[in-house]
Amino acid sequence: MKDLTQGPIGRHLVEMSIPIAIGMLLQTLYFLVDLYFVSRLGDAAIAGVSAGGNLMFVVFALTQMLGARTRRKRSISSTSRWCSRCCAPPSCSSAALPSRARS
C-alpha cells in the first residue's frame, strides 16, 4: 500500500482521481450509447433511460466516495502510530487514565 503521507499532495490527488475519471467517462459512454439506441423507441423510452442513467450516476458517485473513505482510513491506520483509544498522538494521556474510563 502506498504511503499517502509522503510526497506532494497534488500528485497524490491526481493519481487517485485518474481511475475515478476514467470510470466516470466509461459510464457516460455507456449512457450515451444506450440513449442512441433507445431514442428510436420514442419519448417514453428516452425518459426512462435518462432517469435510470441519473440514478446510476448517483450510485456510482456514492460508491466512489465510500471506496475513497475506506482507502483513506486503511492508509491512516496502517501508517499511523497514534493512540487507538482517542485518536491522538502517542503523547496523549489515555494510558494514565483508569482502565474503566478508557473502555
Foldseek 3Di string as FASTA:
>chain_A
DDQCVDDDVVVVVVVLCVVVVVVVVVLVVVLVVCLVVQVVVDDVSNVVSVVVSVVVVVVSVVVSVVVVVVVVVVSCVVPDPDDPQPRHRPVDCLVVDDPVVSD
